[in-house]
């Protein structure tokens, strides 16, 4: 099963301070830091398309099963290199995300199980931002880099035939790509707010899915 993680809402709200900024916002250069709230969710792509015969020239159109998202927080520090570029360190906490699927084949257990998972990802990131200012106080930006993620999942597996219950915990970590897009606004010379949608690629084994997924 090919997988992704999708957020139902734009998820990152930041308030940041340009600690070493000099001059007008258009010429900011220096260190900044901040933090904000996050909303993160998971979803797994279903095999095939929800409408295979509707638009055959498009190929398969994906559809997704979603989990129950959670609210948490992020912290970041960066260096702004002029108007159009910045590098940033971020710590992203995904909270505890619920993943509940009633009929999952578990090859290592040799049967079908109800899969109930509480999934808790944490993702330190190193990324670069390409920034495009407009209308004096506004800017849009794109993010690209890597996330050194780790995650814990507490799993309750119930055999659909026998009712046998297995409780287990899985820990995993690795390195994955991070991409994002956001919108920012300069409230004052040294105070900035932004909203962002971001995806960080992680391993889907903690959710008992076969391929990689993303934390969004």
Protein backbone atom coordinates (compact mmCIF):
# COMPACT_ATOMS: atom_id res chain seq x y z
CA UNK A 1 0.00 0.00 0.00
CA UNK A 2 1.50 3.32 -1.05
CA UNK A 3 1.16 5.88 1.72
CA UNK A 4 1.18 9.57 2.47
CA UNK A 5 0.32 11.74 5.47
CA UNK A 6 -1.99 14.67 4.81
CA UNK A 7 -3.17 17.54 6.97
CA UNK A 8 -6.76 18.68 6.77
CA UNK A 9 -5.71 22.25 7.60
CA UNK A 10 -2.67 24.45 6.99
CA UNK A 11 -0.65 23.43 9.95
CA UNK A 12 2.21 25.70 11.00
CA UNK A 13 1.60 29.10 12.56
CA UNK A 14 4.73 30.97 13.61
CA UNK A 15 5.63 34.12 15.47
CA UNK A 16 9.30 34.96 15.03
CA UNK A 17 11.79 37.68 15.96
CA UNK A 18 14.57 38.92 13.68
CA UNK A 19 17.17 39.26 16.40
CA UNK A 20 20.00 40.72 14.27
CA UNK A 21 17.96 42.34 11.52
CA UNK A 22 19.15 45.70 10.27
CA UNK A 23 17.38 48.30 8.12
CA UNK A 24 13.95 47.92 6.55
CA UNK A 25 12.18 44.52 6.21
CA UNK A 26 13.24 44.40 2.56
CA UNK A 27 16.92 44.31 3.57
CA UNK A 28 16.71 42.03 6.62
CA UNK A 29 19.78 39.89 7.14
CA UNK A 30 20.64 37.94 10.28
CA UNK A 31 19.47 35.50 12.93
CA UNK A 32 15.81 34.96 13.76
CA UNK A 33 13.90 32.55 15.99
CA UNK A 34 10.34 31.65 16.86
CA UNK A 35 7.74 28.95 17.43
CA UNK A 36 4.11 28.10 16.88
CA UNK A 37 1.31 25.56 16.83
CA UNK A 38 0.96 22.55 14.53
CA UNK A 39 -1.81 20.28 13.33
CA UNK A 40 -0.63 16.94 11.91
CA UNK A 41 -2.55 14.05 10.38
CA UNK A 42 -1.82 10.77 8.61
CA UNK A 43 -3.41 9.10 5.61
CA UNK A 44 -2.67 6.00 3.53
CA UNK A 45 -3.24 5.83 -0.21
CA UNK A 46 -5.64 3.09 -1.25
CA UNK A 47 -4.56 0.79 -4.08
CA UNK A 48 -5.93 1.94 -7.44
CA UNK A 49 -8.24 4.88 -7.93
CA UNK A 50 -11.58 5.95 -6.52
CA UNK A 51 -12.70 6.54 -10.12
CA UNK A 52 -10.62 4.31 -12.40
CA UNK A 53 -12.96 4.63 -15.39
CA UNK A 54 -13.84 8.33 -15.13
CA UNK A 55 -10.77 9.88 -16.77
CA UNK A 56 -8.69 7.07 -18.29
CA UNK A 57 -6.28 9.53 -19.94
CA UNK A 58 -5.28 10.79 -16.45
CA UNK A 59 -4.29 7.32 -15.21
CA UNK A 60 -5.10 6.32 -11.63
CA UNK A 61 -6.36 9.09 -9.36
CA UNK A 62 -5.34 8.49 -5.73
CA UNK A 63 -7.70 8.33 -2.76
CA UNK A 64 -6.74 8.15 0.89
CA UNK A 65 -7.75 6.75 4.26
CA UNK A 66 -7.11 9.32 6.99
CA UNK A 67 -6.28 9.04 10.67
CA UNK A 68 -7.19 11.32 13.57
CA UNK A 69 -4.85 14.31 13.69
CA UNK A 70 -3.46 16.07 16.74
CA UNK A 71 -2.28 19.53 17.77
CA UNK A 72 1.25 20.15 19.03
CA UNK A 73 4.07 22.70 18.55
CA UNK A 74 7.23 23.63 16.67
CA UNK A 75 10.35 25.69 17.43
CA UNK A 76 12.75 27.17 14.90
CA UNK A 77 15.90 29.27 14.49
CA UNK A 78 17.33 30.50 11.22
CA UNK A 79 19.61 32.85 9.37
CA UNK A 80 18.17 35.20 6.73
CA UNK A 81 20.58 35.80 3.85
CA UNK A 82 19.11 38.96 2.36
CA UNK A 83 15.58 39.19 0.98
CA UNK A 84 15.34 35.96 -0.95
CA UNK A 85 17.02 33.16 0.98
CA UNK A 86 17.28 31.70 4.49
CA UNK A 87 18.51 28.53 6.21
CA UNK A 88 16.58 27.15 9.16
CA UNK A 89 16.71 24.60 11.96
CA UNK A 90 13.31 23.42 13.18
CA UNK A 91 11.98 20.97 15.75
CA UNK A 92 8.51 19.70 14.84
CA UNK A 93 6.40 17.74 17.32
CA UNK A 94 3.51 15.85 15.70
CA UNK A 95 1.56 15.13 18.88
CA UNK A 96 -0.18 11.74 19.17
CA UNK A 97 -2.00 10.76 15.99
CA UNK A 98 -4.69 8.09 15.99
CA UNK A 99 -4.64 5.44 13.23
CA UNK A 100 -7.50 2.90 13.28
CA UNK A 101 -8.12 0.41 10.45
CA UNK A 102 -10.50 -2.54 10.88
CA UNK A 103 -9.07 -5.09 8.44
CA UNK A 104 -5.28 -5.14 7.92
CA UNK A 105 -3.24 -8.11 6.71
CA UNK A 106 -0.25 -8.65 9.06
CA UNK A 107 2.15 -11.05 7.26
CA UNK A 108 4.41 -11.50 10.28
CA UNK A 109 1.37 -12.64 12.31
CA UNK A 110 -0.24 -14.63 9.51
CA UNK A 111 -3.72 -13.11 9.71
CA UNK A 112 -6.04 -10.09 9.44
CA UNK A 113 -6.15 -7.70 12.39
CA UNK A 114 -7.90 -4.57 13.52
CA UNK A 115 -5.03 -2.08 13.61
CA UNK A 116 -5.25 0.62 16.32
CA UNK A 117 -2.13 2.79 16.60
CA UNK A 118 -1.17 5.87 18.61
CA UNK A 119 1.63 7.40 16.52
CA UNK A 120 3.94 10.09 17.96
CA UNK A 121 6.51 11.59 15.53
CA UNK A 122 9.23 14.14 16.34
CA UNK A 123 11.17 15.68 13.44
CA UNK A 124 14.28 17.88 13.78
CA UNK A 125 14.80 19.53 10.38
CA UNK A 126 17.51 21.38 8.46
CA UNK A 127 16.01 23.24 5.49
CA UNK A 128 16.58 26.09 3.04
CA UNK A 129 13.89 28.69 2.27
CA UNK A 130 13.46 30.44 -1.09
CA UNK A 131 11.57 33.67 -0.31
CA UNK A 132 9.59 35.95 -2.65
CA UNK A 133 8.54 39.28 -1.04
CA UNK A 134 5.56 41.26 -2.37
CA UNK A 135 3.40 44.25 -1.34
CA UNK A 136 6.01 45.54 1.14
CA UNK A 137 4.98 43.41 4.15
CA UNK A 138 4.04 40.08 2.53
CA UNK A 139 6.11 37.15 1.30
CA UNK A 140 5.62 33.61 0.03
CA UNK A 141 8.31 30.98 0.43
CA UNK A 142 9.20 27.43 -0.45
CA UNK A 143 11.05 25.04 1.86
CA UNK A 144 13.33 22.11 0.99
CA UNK A 145 15.72 20.05 3.11
CA UNK A 146 15.99 17.00 5.34
CA UNK A 147 14.31 15.77 8.52
CA UNK A 148 16.09 13.54 11.06
CA UNK A 149 12.86 11.99 12.27
CA UNK A 150 12.05 9.56 15.04
CA UNK A 151 8.67 8.11 16.02
CA UNK A 152 7.04 5.85 18.57
CA UNK A 153 3.84 3.90 17.94
CA UNK A 154 1.78 2.06 20.55
CA UNK A 155 -0.17 -0.65 18.71
CA UNK A 156 -3.24 -2.67 19.66
CA UNK A 157 -3.83 -5.50 17.17
CA UNK A 158 -7.05 -7.56 17.39
CA UNK A 159 -7.34 -10.73 15.31
CA UNK A 160 -10.58 -10.46 13.33
CA UNK A 161 -11.15 -14.24 13.42
CA UNK A 162 -10.16 -15.24 16.96
CA UNK A 163 -10.41 -11.97 18.90
CA UNK A 164 -6.82 -12.40 20.14
CA UNK A 165 -5.32 -9.04 21.20
CA UNK A 166 -1.63 -8.19 20.78
CA UNK A 167 -0.18 -5.07 22.43
CA UNK A 168 3.20 -3.87 21.20
CA UNK A 169 5.35 -0.76 20.88
CA UNK A 170 7.53 0.13 17.89
CA UNK A 171 10.29 2.75 17.62
CA UNK A 172 11.79 3.89 14.34
CA UNK A 173 14.00 6.69 13.01
CA UNK A 174 15.68 7.80 9.81
CA UNK A 175 16.31 10.64 7.38
CA UNK A 176 13.75 11.91 4.86
CA UNK A 177 13.08 14.84 2.56
CA UNK A 178 11.17 17.89 3.83
CA UNK A 179 9.19 20.19 1.52
CA UNK A 180 6.81 23.02 2.33
CA UNK A 181 5.11 26.18 1.12
CA UNK A 182 4.10 29.14 3.22
CA UNK A 183 2.83 32.70 3.46
CA UNK A 184 4.35 35.32 5.78
CA UNK A 185 3.49 38.84 6.97
CA UNK A 186 5.67 41.46 8.72
CA UNK A 187 3.66 42.73 11.70
CA UNK A 188 6.46 45.12 12.72
CA UNK A 189 10.12 45.59 11.79
CA UNK A 190 11.14 42.74 14.13
CA UNK A 191 7.99 40.61 14.38
CA UNK A 192 6.79 38.26 11.64
CA UNK A 193 3.98 35.70 11.43
CA UNK A 194 3.52 32.90 8.91
CA UNK A 195 1.31 29.95 7.98
CA UNK A 196 2.75 26.89 6.26
CA UNK A 197 1.88 23.48 4.85
CA UNK A 198 4.77 21.05 5.17
CA UNK A 199 5.52 17.39 4.42
CA UNK A 200 8.35 15.31 5.91
CA UNK A 201 8.96 11.83 4.51
CA UNK A 202 9.17 9.03 7.09
CA UNK A 203 8.96 5.22 7.18
CA UNK A 204 5.40 3.88 7.37
CA UNK A 205 6.20 0.69 9.30
CA UNK A 206 5.14 2.27 12.60
CA UNK A 207 1.60 2.48 11.13
CA UNK A 208 1.81 -1.08 9.73
CA UNK A 209 1.81 0.13 6.12
CA UNK A 210 4.16 -1.18 3.47
CA UNK A 211 5.86 1.89 2.01
CA UNK A 212 7.12 5.33 3.02
CA UNK A 213 4.73 7.99 4.22
CA UNK A 214 4.92 11.67 5.14
CA UNK A 215 4.21 13.69 8.26
CA UNK A 216 2.22 16.78 7.20
